[in-house]
N, C-alpha and C. Protein backbone atom coordinates (compact mmCIF):
# COMPACT_ATOMS: atom_id res chain seq x y z
N MET A 1 87.52 129.69 76.42
CA MET A 1 87.21 130.71 75.41
C MET A 1 85.70 130.81 75.22
N THR A 2 85.17 132.02 75.28
CA THR A 2 83.73 132.22 75.09
C THR A 2 83.37 132.04 73.62
N PRO A 3 82.36 131.24 73.29
CA PRO A 3 81.99 131.03 71.89
C PRO A 3 81.20 132.22 71.34
N GLU A 4 80.76 132.08 70.09
CA GLU A 4 79.94 133.11 69.48
C GLU A 4 78.57 133.10 70.15
N ILE A 5 78.26 134.17 70.86
CA ILE A 5 76.99 134.27 71.59
C ILE A 5 76.23 135.49 71.09
N CYS A 6 75.00 135.26 70.63
CA CYS A 6 74.12 136.35 70.21
C CYS A 6 73.20 136.73 71.37
N GLY A 7 72.65 137.92 71.29
CA GLY A 7 71.71 138.38 72.31
C GLY A 7 70.34 138.62 71.72
N VAL A 8 69.31 138.25 72.45
CA VAL A 8 67.94 138.56 72.04
C VAL A 8 67.23 139.27 73.19
N ILE A 9 66.64 140.41 72.87
CA ILE A 9 65.89 141.20 73.84
C ILE A 9 64.42 140.80 73.73
N LEU A 10 63.86 140.31 74.80
CA LEU A 10 62.49 139.80 74.78
C LEU A 10 61.49 140.92 75.04
N ALA A 11 60.76 141.29 74.01
CA ALA A 11 59.76 142.36 74.11
C ALA A 11 58.44 141.91 73.50
N GLY A 12 58.18 140.61 73.54
CA GLY A 12 57.00 140.08 72.86
C GLY A 12 55.75 140.00 73.71
N GLY A 13 55.82 140.45 74.97
CA GLY A 13 54.66 140.36 75.86
C GLY A 13 53.60 141.39 75.53
N LEU A 14 52.45 141.26 76.19
CA LEU A 14 51.30 142.14 75.92
C LEU A 14 51.22 143.33 76.88
N ALA A 15 52.04 143.35 77.93
CA ALA A 15 52.12 144.49 78.88
C ALA A 15 50.76 144.89 79.42
N ARG A 16 49.93 143.93 79.79
CA ARG A 16 48.58 144.24 80.26
C ARG A 16 48.59 145.09 81.54
N ARG A 17 49.51 144.77 82.48
CA ARG A 17 49.52 145.51 83.75
C ARG A 17 50.00 146.95 83.58
N MET A 18 50.69 147.22 82.46
CA MET A 18 51.14 148.58 82.18
C MET A 18 50.14 149.32 81.29
N GLY A 19 49.02 148.65 80.98
CA GLY A 19 48.00 149.28 80.14
C GLY A 19 48.17 149.01 78.66
N GLY A 20 49.01 148.03 78.30
CA GLY A 20 49.24 147.71 76.90
C GLY A 20 50.34 148.57 76.29
N GLY A 21 50.70 148.26 75.06
CA GLY A 21 51.76 149.01 74.39
C GLY A 21 53.12 148.42 74.69
N ASP A 22 54.16 149.14 74.26
CA ASP A 22 55.53 148.67 74.40
C ASP A 22 56.18 149.28 75.64
N LYS A 23 56.39 148.47 76.66
CA LYS A 23 57.07 148.98 77.86
C LYS A 23 58.47 149.47 77.53
N SER A 24 59.11 148.80 76.57
CA SER A 24 60.49 149.16 76.25
C SER A 24 60.63 150.54 75.62
N LEU A 25 59.53 151.10 75.13
CA LEU A 25 59.58 152.43 74.52
C LEU A 25 59.16 153.53 75.48
N LEU A 26 58.81 153.17 76.72
CA LEU A 26 58.51 154.19 77.72
C LEU A 26 59.78 154.98 78.05
N THR A 27 59.61 156.22 78.42
CA THR A 27 60.76 157.08 78.72
C THR A 27 61.16 156.95 80.18
N LEU A 28 62.44 156.66 80.39
CA LEU A 28 63.01 156.53 81.72
C LEU A 28 64.27 157.40 81.78
N GLY A 29 64.27 158.41 82.64
CA GLY A 29 65.42 159.30 82.71
C GLY A 29 65.69 160.01 81.41
N GLY A 30 64.62 160.35 80.69
CA GLY A 30 64.75 161.09 79.44
C GLY A 30 65.11 160.25 78.23
N ARG A 31 65.18 158.94 78.39
CA ARG A 31 65.52 158.05 77.28
C ARG A 31 64.59 156.84 77.29
N PRO A 32 64.29 156.26 76.13
CA PRO A 32 63.50 155.03 76.13
C PRO A 32 64.20 153.92 76.91
N VAL A 33 63.41 153.12 77.59
CA VAL A 33 63.96 151.99 78.34
C VAL A 33 64.81 151.10 77.43
N LEU A 34 64.36 150.91 76.21
CA LEU A 34 65.08 150.04 75.28
C LEU A 34 66.50 150.56 75.02
N ASP A 35 66.69 151.86 75.00
CA ASP A 35 68.04 152.42 74.85
C ASP A 35 68.96 151.88 75.93
N ARG A 36 68.46 151.85 77.14
CA ARG A 36 69.27 151.44 78.28
C ARG A 36 69.56 149.93 78.25
N VAL A 37 68.58 149.16 77.79
CA VAL A 37 68.78 147.71 77.67
C VAL A 37 69.84 147.41 76.60
N ILE A 38 69.72 148.06 75.46
CA ILE A 38 70.70 147.87 74.39
C ILE A 38 72.10 148.28 74.84
N GLU A 39 72.18 149.38 75.55
CA GLU A 39 73.47 149.89 76.03
C GLU A 39 74.18 148.87 76.92
N ARG A 40 73.41 148.15 77.71
CA ARG A 40 73.99 147.15 78.60
C ARG A 40 74.34 145.85 77.88
N LEU A 41 73.52 145.46 76.92
CA LEU A 41 73.72 144.17 76.27
C LEU A 41 74.75 144.21 75.15
N ARG A 42 74.81 145.30 74.40
CA ARG A 42 75.64 145.34 73.19
C ARG A 42 77.09 144.92 73.43
N PRO A 43 77.77 145.41 74.48
CA PRO A 43 79.17 145.02 74.66
C PRO A 43 79.37 143.55 75.04
N GLN A 44 78.29 142.88 75.39
CA GLN A 44 78.41 141.51 75.91
C GLN A 44 78.20 140.42 74.86
N VAL A 45 77.70 140.79 73.68
CA VAL A 45 77.33 139.79 72.67
C VAL A 45 77.90 140.17 71.30
N SER A 46 77.89 139.19 70.40
CA SER A 46 78.41 139.45 69.06
C SER A 46 77.40 140.19 68.19
N GLU A 47 76.13 139.87 68.34
CA GLU A 47 75.04 140.51 67.61
C GLU A 47 73.81 140.53 68.49
N MET A 48 72.88 141.44 68.18
CA MET A 48 71.64 141.53 68.95
C MET A 48 70.44 141.52 68.02
N ALA A 49 69.34 140.99 68.52
CA ALA A 49 68.05 141.08 67.85
C ALA A 49 66.99 141.37 68.90
N LEU A 50 65.83 141.80 68.43
CA LEU A 50 64.72 142.14 69.32
C LEU A 50 63.54 141.25 68.99
N ASN A 51 63.04 140.53 69.99
CA ASN A 51 61.83 139.73 69.81
C ASN A 51 60.63 140.59 70.15
N ALA A 52 59.82 140.91 69.13
CA ALA A 52 58.62 141.74 69.32
C ALA A 52 57.61 141.37 68.26
N ASN A 53 56.35 141.38 68.64
CA ASN A 53 55.27 141.07 67.71
C ASN A 53 54.61 142.37 67.24
N GLY A 54 53.84 142.29 66.16
CA GLY A 54 53.22 143.49 65.61
C GLY A 54 54.12 144.16 64.59
N ASP A 55 53.80 145.41 64.28
CA ASP A 55 54.51 146.15 63.24
C ASP A 55 55.95 146.44 63.67
N PRO A 56 56.94 145.88 62.99
CA PRO A 56 58.33 146.10 63.40
C PRO A 56 58.82 147.52 63.15
N ARG A 57 58.07 148.30 62.36
CA ARG A 57 58.54 149.65 62.02
C ARG A 57 58.62 150.57 63.23
N ARG A 58 57.92 150.23 64.32
CA ARG A 58 57.98 151.09 65.50
C ARG A 58 59.36 151.04 66.17
N PHE A 59 60.19 150.06 65.77
CA PHE A 59 61.54 149.96 66.30
C PHE A 59 62.60 150.33 65.24
N ALA A 60 62.17 150.96 64.18
CA ALA A 60 63.08 151.24 63.06
C ALA A 60 64.29 152.06 63.47
N ALA A 61 64.14 152.93 64.45
CA ALA A 61 65.24 153.80 64.86
C ALA A 61 66.41 153.02 65.45
N TYR A 62 66.20 151.77 65.81
CA TYR A 62 67.24 151.00 66.50
C TYR A 62 68.11 150.16 65.57
N ASP A 63 67.73 150.02 64.34
CA ASP A 63 68.53 149.26 63.37
C ASP A 63 68.85 147.85 63.91
N LEU A 64 67.85 147.23 64.51
CA LEU A 64 67.98 145.87 65.01
C LEU A 64 67.10 144.94 64.19
N THR A 65 67.52 143.70 64.03
CA THR A 65 66.64 142.69 63.48
C THR A 65 65.49 142.46 64.45
N VAL A 66 64.26 142.57 63.97
CA VAL A 66 63.08 142.36 64.82
C VAL A 66 62.51 140.98 64.50
N LEU A 67 62.43 140.15 65.51
CA LEU A 67 61.99 138.77 65.35
C LEU A 67 60.61 138.60 65.97
N ALA A 68 59.63 138.29 65.16
CA ALA A 68 58.30 137.96 65.69
C ALA A 68 58.32 136.51 66.18
N ASP A 69 57.41 136.19 67.11
CA ASP A 69 57.25 134.80 67.53
C ASP A 69 56.95 133.94 66.30
N THR A 70 57.57 132.79 66.22
CA THR A 70 57.28 131.87 65.12
C THR A 70 56.15 130.91 65.47
N GLU A 71 55.75 130.90 66.75
CA GLU A 71 54.63 130.07 67.19
C GLU A 71 53.43 130.97 67.47
N PRO A 72 52.22 130.55 67.13
CA PRO A 72 51.04 131.41 67.23
C PRO A 72 50.51 131.58 68.64
N ASP A 73 49.63 132.57 68.81
CA ASP A 73 48.82 132.77 70.03
C ASP A 73 49.63 133.18 71.26
N PHE A 74 50.72 133.89 71.05
CA PHE A 74 51.50 134.47 72.15
C PHE A 74 51.80 133.44 73.25
N PRO A 75 52.58 132.42 72.95
CA PRO A 75 52.84 131.37 73.96
C PRO A 75 53.82 131.77 75.06
N GLY A 76 54.24 133.04 75.08
CA GLY A 76 55.07 133.50 76.20
C GLY A 76 56.54 133.61 75.85
N PRO A 77 57.37 133.88 76.87
CA PRO A 77 58.79 134.15 76.61
C PRO A 77 59.55 132.99 76.00
N LEU A 78 59.10 131.75 76.20
CA LEU A 78 59.77 130.64 75.52
C LEU A 78 59.73 130.81 74.01
N ALA A 79 58.64 131.39 73.50
CA ALA A 79 58.55 131.63 72.06
C ALA A 79 59.59 132.66 71.62
N GLY A 80 59.86 133.64 72.48
CA GLY A 80 60.89 134.62 72.16
C GLY A 80 62.27 134.00 72.15
N VAL A 81 62.52 133.11 73.11
CA VAL A 81 63.80 132.38 73.13
C VAL A 81 63.94 131.56 71.86
N LEU A 82 62.86 130.89 71.44
CA LEU A 82 62.90 130.09 70.22
C LEU A 82 63.19 130.96 69.00
N ALA A 83 62.53 132.11 68.89
CA ALA A 83 62.80 133.01 67.77
C ALA A 83 64.26 133.43 67.76
N GLY A 84 64.81 133.68 68.95
CA GLY A 84 66.22 134.03 69.04
C GLY A 84 67.13 132.89 68.63
N LEU A 85 66.79 131.67 69.02
CA LEU A 85 67.60 130.51 68.64
C LEU A 85 67.58 130.28 67.14
N ASP A 86 66.41 130.41 66.52
CA ASP A 86 66.32 130.27 65.06
C ASP A 86 67.20 131.30 64.36
N TRP A 87 67.13 132.53 64.84
CA TRP A 87 67.93 133.61 64.24
C TRP A 87 69.42 133.37 64.47
N ALA A 88 69.81 132.99 65.68
CA ALA A 88 71.22 132.75 65.99
C ALA A 88 71.78 131.61 65.14
N ALA A 89 70.97 130.58 64.91
CA ALA A 89 71.42 129.48 64.06
C ALA A 89 71.73 129.98 62.66
N SER A 90 70.92 130.91 62.16
CA SER A 90 71.17 131.45 60.82
C SER A 90 72.42 132.32 60.77
N ARG A 91 72.87 132.77 61.94
CA ARG A 91 74.08 133.60 62.03
C ARG A 91 75.32 132.76 62.35
N GLY A 92 75.15 131.47 62.52
CA GLY A 92 76.28 130.61 62.82
C GLY A 92 76.72 130.65 64.27
N ALA A 93 75.88 131.18 65.15
CA ALA A 93 76.23 131.27 66.58
C ALA A 93 75.89 129.96 67.28
N SER A 94 76.55 129.72 68.39
CA SER A 94 76.31 128.49 69.14
C SER A 94 75.33 128.68 70.29
N HIS A 95 75.18 129.94 70.77
CA HIS A 95 74.34 130.21 71.93
C HIS A 95 73.63 131.56 71.79
N VAL A 96 72.57 131.68 72.56
CA VAL A 96 71.85 132.95 72.68
C VAL A 96 71.74 133.28 74.16
N VAL A 97 71.90 134.55 74.47
CA VAL A 97 71.55 135.04 75.80
C VAL A 97 70.30 135.90 75.66
N SER A 98 69.29 135.61 76.46
CA SER A 98 68.06 136.40 76.45
C SER A 98 68.05 137.36 77.62
N VAL A 99 67.51 138.55 77.38
CA VAL A 99 67.29 139.54 78.44
C VAL A 99 65.90 140.13 78.24
N ALA A 100 65.34 140.67 79.32
CA ALA A 100 64.01 141.26 79.25
C ALA A 100 64.10 142.72 78.83
N ALA A 101 63.21 143.13 77.94
CA ALA A 101 63.22 144.49 77.42
C ALA A 101 62.76 145.52 78.43
N ASP A 102 62.18 145.07 79.54
CA ASP A 102 61.66 146.00 80.55
C ASP A 102 62.50 145.99 81.82
N SER A 103 63.75 145.51 81.72
CA SER A 103 64.66 145.46 82.88
C SER A 103 65.92 146.25 82.55
N PRO A 104 65.96 147.53 82.89
CA PRO A 104 67.05 148.39 82.44
C PRO A 104 68.30 148.39 83.31
N PHE A 105 68.35 147.54 84.35
CA PHE A 105 69.48 147.57 85.28
C PHE A 105 70.24 146.25 85.35
N PHE A 106 70.05 145.34 84.42
CA PHE A 106 70.66 144.02 84.54
C PHE A 106 72.19 144.11 84.47
N PRO A 107 72.89 143.09 85.00
CA PRO A 107 74.35 143.17 85.14
C PRO A 107 75.10 143.27 83.82
N THR A 108 76.20 143.99 83.85
CA THR A 108 77.03 144.16 82.65
C THR A 108 78.02 143.00 82.46
N ASP A 109 78.07 142.07 83.42
CA ASP A 109 78.91 140.88 83.26
C ASP A 109 78.05 139.62 83.13
N LEU A 110 76.81 139.80 82.72
CA LEU A 110 75.84 138.71 82.65
C LEU A 110 76.34 137.56 81.76
N VAL A 111 76.75 137.87 80.54
CA VAL A 111 77.10 136.83 79.57
C VAL A 111 78.34 136.06 80.01
N ASN A 112 79.36 136.75 80.46
CA ASN A 112 80.57 136.07 80.92
C ASN A 112 80.28 135.13 82.08
N ARG A 113 79.44 135.58 83.00
CA ARG A 113 79.13 134.74 84.15
C ARG A 113 78.25 133.55 83.76
N PHE A 114 77.34 133.76 82.81
CA PHE A 114 76.54 132.64 82.30
C PHE A 114 77.45 131.56 81.71
N TRP A 115 78.36 132.00 80.83
CA TRP A 115 79.22 131.04 80.14
C TRP A 115 80.10 130.30 81.14
N ALA A 116 80.68 131.03 82.09
CA ALA A 116 81.54 130.39 83.08
C ALA A 116 80.76 129.36 83.89
N ALA A 117 79.53 129.68 84.25
CA ALA A 117 78.72 128.75 85.05
C ALA A 117 78.36 127.51 84.25
N SER A 118 78.04 127.69 82.97
CA SER A 118 77.70 126.55 82.12
C SER A 118 78.90 125.62 81.96
N VAL A 119 80.08 126.20 81.73
CA VAL A 119 81.29 125.39 81.56
C VAL A 119 81.63 124.67 82.86
N GLU A 120 81.59 125.38 83.97
CA GLU A 120 81.97 124.80 85.26
C GLU A 120 81.03 123.68 85.68
N SER A 121 79.74 123.87 85.42
CA SER A 121 78.75 122.88 85.86
C SER A 121 78.55 121.75 84.86
N GLY A 122 78.92 121.99 83.60
CA GLY A 122 78.66 121.01 82.56
C GLY A 122 77.21 120.98 82.11
N LEU A 123 76.43 121.98 82.53
CA LEU A 123 75.01 122.06 82.16
C LEU A 123 74.84 122.97 80.94
N PRO A 124 73.90 122.64 80.05
CA PRO A 124 73.79 123.39 78.80
C PRO A 124 73.17 124.77 78.93
N ILE A 125 72.38 125.00 79.98
CA ILE A 125 71.63 126.24 80.15
C ILE A 125 72.10 126.93 81.42
N ALA A 126 72.07 128.24 81.44
CA ALA A 126 72.33 129.00 82.67
C ALA A 126 71.21 130.02 82.84
N LEU A 127 70.72 130.16 84.05
CA LEU A 127 69.66 131.12 84.37
C LEU A 127 70.13 132.06 85.46
N ALA A 128 69.76 133.32 85.35
CA ALA A 128 70.09 134.30 86.38
C ALA A 128 69.21 134.11 87.61
N ALA A 129 69.73 134.56 88.74
CA ALA A 129 68.96 134.55 89.98
C ALA A 129 69.38 135.74 90.82
N THR A 130 68.44 136.24 91.60
CA THR A 130 68.73 137.26 92.60
C THR A 130 68.98 136.55 93.92
N ASP A 131 70.10 136.86 94.56
CA ASP A 131 70.44 136.24 95.85
C ASP A 131 69.68 136.95 96.97
N ASP A 132 68.50 136.44 97.27
CA ASP A 132 67.69 137.01 98.34
C ASP A 132 68.20 136.50 99.68
N PRO A 133 68.54 137.39 100.63
CA PRO A 133 69.10 136.94 101.91
C PRO A 133 68.16 136.09 102.73
N ASP A 134 66.86 136.21 102.51
CA ASP A 134 65.89 135.46 103.30
C ASP A 134 65.42 134.19 102.60
N ARG A 135 65.22 134.28 101.29
CA ARG A 135 64.63 133.15 100.56
C ARG A 135 65.63 132.39 99.69
N GLY A 136 66.85 132.86 99.62
CA GLY A 136 67.84 132.19 98.77
C GLY A 136 67.72 132.67 97.34
N PRO A 137 68.34 131.96 96.38
CA PRO A 137 68.32 132.39 94.98
C PRO A 137 66.91 132.39 94.39
N LEU A 138 66.51 133.52 93.84
CA LEU A 138 65.22 133.63 93.15
C LEU A 138 65.50 133.73 91.65
N ARG A 139 65.14 132.69 90.94
CA ARG A 139 65.52 132.65 89.52
C ARG A 139 64.77 133.69 88.70
N GLN A 140 65.48 134.21 87.71
CA GLN A 140 64.96 135.23 86.80
C GLN A 140 65.01 134.62 85.40
N PRO A 141 64.02 133.81 85.03
CA PRO A 141 64.17 132.93 83.86
C PRO A 141 64.18 133.62 82.50
N THR A 142 63.78 134.89 82.41
CA THR A 142 63.89 135.55 81.11
C THR A 142 65.33 135.95 80.81
N PHE A 143 66.21 135.83 81.81
CA PHE A 143 67.64 136.09 81.62
C PHE A 143 68.35 134.74 81.61
N GLY A 144 68.72 134.27 80.43
CA GLY A 144 69.31 132.94 80.35
C GLY A 144 70.26 132.78 79.18
N LEU A 145 71.07 131.75 79.28
CA LEU A 145 71.97 131.30 78.22
C LEU A 145 71.39 130.03 77.63
N TRP A 146 71.22 130.02 76.29
CA TRP A 146 70.53 128.91 75.63
C TRP A 146 71.35 128.40 74.46
N PRO A 147 71.64 127.09 74.40
CA PRO A 147 72.38 126.56 73.26
C PRO A 147 71.49 126.40 72.03
N VAL A 148 72.01 126.77 70.89
CA VAL A 148 71.27 126.64 69.64
C VAL A 148 70.92 125.17 69.38
N ALA A 149 71.72 124.27 69.90
CA ALA A 149 71.48 122.84 69.69
C ALA A 149 70.13 122.37 70.23
N LEU A 150 69.54 123.13 71.17
CA LEU A 150 68.25 122.74 71.76
C LEU A 150 67.06 123.37 71.03
N CYS A 151 67.31 123.99 69.91
CA CYS A 151 66.26 124.73 69.19
C CYS A 151 65.06 123.85 68.85
N GLU A 152 65.30 122.71 68.23
CA GLU A 152 64.18 121.87 67.79
C GLU A 152 63.46 121.23 68.98
N ASP A 153 64.20 120.93 70.02
CA ASP A 153 63.57 120.41 71.24
C ASP A 153 62.61 121.45 71.81
N LEU A 154 63.04 122.71 71.84
CA LEU A 154 62.18 123.77 72.36
C LEU A 154 60.95 123.96 71.48
N ARG A 155 61.13 123.91 70.18
CA ARG A 155 59.98 124.07 69.28
C ARG A 155 58.95 122.98 69.55
N ALA A 156 59.41 121.75 69.68
CA ALA A 156 58.48 120.65 69.95
C ALA A 156 57.81 120.82 71.31
N ALA A 157 58.55 121.30 72.28
CA ALA A 157 57.98 121.48 73.62
C ALA A 157 56.88 122.54 73.61
N ILE A 158 57.12 123.65 72.93
CA ILE A 158 56.10 124.71 72.85
C ILE A 158 54.85 124.18 72.16
N ARG A 159 55.04 123.45 71.10
CA ARG A 159 53.88 122.90 70.37
C ARG A 159 53.13 121.87 71.19
N ALA A 160 53.83 121.27 72.16
CA ALA A 160 53.18 120.30 73.06
C ALA A 160 52.56 120.97 74.28
N GLY A 161 52.70 122.31 74.35
CA GLY A 161 52.05 123.04 75.43
C GLY A 161 52.95 123.64 76.48
N ALA A 162 54.27 123.51 76.34
CA ALA A 162 55.19 124.08 77.34
C ALA A 162 55.08 125.60 77.34
N ARG A 163 55.00 126.18 78.54
CA ARG A 163 54.92 127.65 78.68
C ARG A 163 55.89 128.17 79.74
N LYS A 164 56.27 127.34 80.69
CA LYS A 164 57.12 127.77 81.79
C LYS A 164 58.59 127.58 81.43
N ILE A 165 59.34 128.68 81.44
CA ILE A 165 60.75 128.59 81.10
C ILE A 165 61.48 127.62 82.01
N VAL A 166 61.27 127.75 83.33
CA VAL A 166 62.06 126.97 84.27
C VAL A 166 61.80 125.47 84.13
N LEU A 167 60.58 125.09 83.80
CA LEU A 167 60.28 123.66 83.67
C LEU A 167 61.02 123.06 82.48
N TRP A 168 61.01 123.80 81.36
CA TRP A 168 61.73 123.29 80.18
C TRP A 168 63.24 123.32 80.43
N ALA A 169 63.74 124.39 81.03
CA ALA A 169 65.17 124.51 81.28
C ALA A 169 65.65 123.41 82.23
N ASP A 170 64.90 123.15 83.28
CA ASP A 170 65.32 122.15 84.25
C ASP A 170 65.33 120.74 83.65
N ARG A 171 64.52 120.54 82.66
CA ARG A 171 64.51 119.23 82.00
C ARG A 171 65.85 118.92 81.34
N HIS A 172 66.54 119.98 80.92
CA HIS A 172 67.82 119.79 80.25
C HIS A 172 69.01 120.06 81.17
N GLY A 173 68.78 120.75 82.26
CA GLY A 173 69.85 121.08 83.20
C GLY A 173 70.23 122.54 83.09
N ALA A 174 70.02 123.28 84.16
CA ALA A 174 70.28 124.73 84.15
C ALA A 174 71.11 125.12 85.36
N ALA A 175 72.26 125.72 85.10
CA ALA A 175 73.06 126.30 86.17
C ALA A 175 72.38 127.58 86.66
N VAL A 176 72.47 127.84 87.94
CA VAL A 176 71.90 129.06 88.52
C VAL A 176 73.04 130.03 88.81
N VAL A 177 72.93 131.23 88.26
CA VAL A 177 73.97 132.25 88.43
C VAL A 177 73.39 133.37 89.29
N GLY A 178 73.88 133.46 90.52
CA GLY A 178 73.32 134.42 91.46
C GLY A 178 73.98 135.78 91.40
N PHE A 179 73.17 136.81 91.54
CA PHE A 179 73.64 138.19 91.59
C PHE A 179 73.07 138.84 92.85
N PRO A 180 73.84 139.68 93.51
CA PRO A 180 73.37 140.28 94.77
C PRO A 180 72.15 141.15 94.59
N ALA A 181 71.26 141.11 95.59
CA ALA A 181 70.04 141.91 95.56
C ALA A 181 70.24 143.30 96.12
N GLU A 182 71.43 143.58 96.64
CA GLU A 182 71.73 144.89 97.21
C GLU A 182 72.74 145.63 96.33
N PRO A 183 72.62 146.93 96.19
CA PRO A 183 71.66 147.82 96.85
C PRO A 183 70.24 147.75 96.26
N PHE A 184 70.07 147.04 95.12
CA PHE A 184 68.73 146.82 94.58
C PHE A 184 68.79 145.60 93.66
N ASP A 185 67.64 145.05 93.37
CA ASP A 185 67.55 143.90 92.49
C ASP A 185 67.93 144.32 91.06
N PRO A 186 69.03 143.77 90.50
CA PRO A 186 69.43 144.18 89.15
C PRO A 186 68.46 143.74 88.07
N PHE A 187 67.54 142.83 88.42
CA PHE A 187 66.55 142.36 87.44
C PHE A 187 65.18 143.00 87.66
N PHE A 188 65.16 144.08 88.42
CA PHE A 188 63.93 144.84 88.61
C PHE A 188 63.32 145.18 87.26
N ASN A 189 62.03 144.87 87.10
CA ASN A 189 61.40 145.14 85.80
C ASN A 189 60.16 146.00 85.95
N LEU A 190 59.76 146.56 84.83
CA LEU A 190 58.70 147.56 84.80
C LEU A 190 57.38 146.90 84.43
N ASN A 191 56.66 146.45 85.45
CA ASN A 191 55.39 145.77 85.22
C ASN A 191 54.19 146.71 85.33
N ARG A 192 54.29 147.69 86.24
CA ARG A 192 53.15 148.56 86.55
C ARG A 192 53.59 150.01 86.48
N PRO A 193 52.66 150.93 86.32
CA PRO A 193 53.04 152.35 86.26
C PRO A 193 53.87 152.79 87.46
N GLU A 194 53.57 152.28 88.65
CA GLU A 194 54.33 152.69 89.83
C GLU A 194 55.79 152.23 89.78
N ASP A 195 56.06 151.19 88.98
CA ASP A 195 57.44 150.74 88.84
C ASP A 195 58.31 151.78 88.12
N MET A 196 57.69 152.58 87.27
CA MET A 196 58.44 153.64 86.60
C MET A 196 58.95 154.66 87.61
N VAL A 197 58.16 154.93 88.63
CA VAL A 197 58.57 155.87 89.67
C VAL A 197 59.78 155.31 90.43
N ILE A 198 59.73 154.02 90.74
CA ILE A 198 60.85 153.38 91.43
C ILE A 198 62.10 153.41 90.55
N ALA A 199 61.93 153.13 89.28
CA ALA A 199 63.07 153.11 88.36
C ALA A 199 63.71 154.49 88.23
N GLU A 200 62.89 155.53 88.20
CA GLU A 200 63.45 156.89 88.14
C GLU A 200 64.28 157.18 89.39
N ARG A 201 63.80 156.71 90.55
CA ARG A 201 64.55 156.91 91.77
C ARG A 201 65.88 156.16 91.75
N LEU A 202 65.85 154.93 91.22
CA LEU A 202 67.08 154.14 91.12
C LEU A 202 68.10 154.83 90.21
N LEU A 203 67.60 155.40 89.12
CA LEU A 203 68.50 156.13 88.23
C LEU A 203 69.14 157.32 88.95
N ASP A 204 68.33 158.04 89.69
CA ASP A 204 68.85 159.21 90.43
C ASP A 204 69.93 158.77 91.42
N GLU A 205 69.69 157.65 92.08
CA GLU A 205 70.65 157.16 93.06
C GLU A 205 71.97 156.74 92.43
N GLN A 206 71.90 156.32 91.17
CA GLN A 206 73.10 155.91 90.45
C GLN A 206 73.77 157.08 89.73
N GLY A 207 73.12 158.24 89.78
CA GLY A 207 73.65 159.39 89.07
C GLY A 207 73.56 159.29 87.58
N ARG A 208 72.53 158.58 87.12
CA ARG A 208 72.35 158.39 85.68
C ARG A 208 71.07 159.08 85.22
């Protein structure tokens, strides 16, 4: 049985390669990217929140809880995971699944596969990976299943200087959940302006 799992959308980055601003609010196929991320995540979790720094009113149209990093100086996506874990604990949930706010094509069976992998392996964390035919599984660490029980450990790790998701996750044990890279990488994200052109083409190919 799948436990109570909350979702947190990670949008706390500075988007320097995209010229700053909120990548999740860019228009893709006539709709904000964030619309598409929410559409994919909502059916998979009990509740959702958005990790974003700055004025939360820019997301008011979404009626989501907006979680700022609780640790200073933009320590990276681990801080977003921590904010999600703190929030999920207040909701009585046992786990959080994190997704990236700039990845509009991630799998619709992500949460079920994370939970199944964690149970089967006996490992507390699950991380997504793209099954690259040449290089093997390429982990996508912003897409993960995180137990609320590790909240204080993560807080201490960030304060001690931890910044790499995979290093902290591997310390506790992380199952790798592979997804096919064909016909395209489902974790494709919008880092640069030219990525928006690719994403529009992917939408056209999917008839969306």
